Amino acid sequence: MKINTKYLGEVEINEEKIIEFENGIPSFLEEKKFILLPFDESTPFYILQSITTSELGFVVVSPFHFFPDYQVKLSDATIEALTIENEEDVAVFVILTVQEPFTNTTANLQGPVVINSKVQKGKQISLNDPNYQTKHLLMPQAVGKEG
């Protein structure tokens, strides 16, 4: 199956890799089918691309790549909704707000996207941890100037 994407143009996808978001994604509740596409094999970034709306694609990344201490506790309701049986089947991504320059890009650590890759089900959840923000800088900022 071929789809048009926001960032990568027309791409061929494997329909078995389509991820079902039963309740959509907040602010996009009608969008229920997405696919995870590598942005570029040399980067840790992916595109969470809507199957039905080519203009809707989120730049996402595993939070653990940039925030090694990041923790996500899934509620029983989330575990049940995503039919999670094994921790190894779970992938966690955070949506980025890409800025210019890229060093100002932020990550939504408060609302990670959780995917059960075994059954291709996904959900964006909301964490109540006060340490996580919706606009957390992806990269540490330089403090002061040299010289």
Foldseek 3Di string as FASTA:
>chain_A
DWAQAQQPGIDDDDPQQWAAAPQAAVVGRVQGTWHWACNDVVDQWIWGTGRVDRNDIFIKGQLCVQVVVQDDDDDPVRCVVQVDDDPVQKGKIWTWDADVVRQQIFTQSQWIKIARRVRRYIYTDGHPDPVGHGGHGSDDDDDDDDD
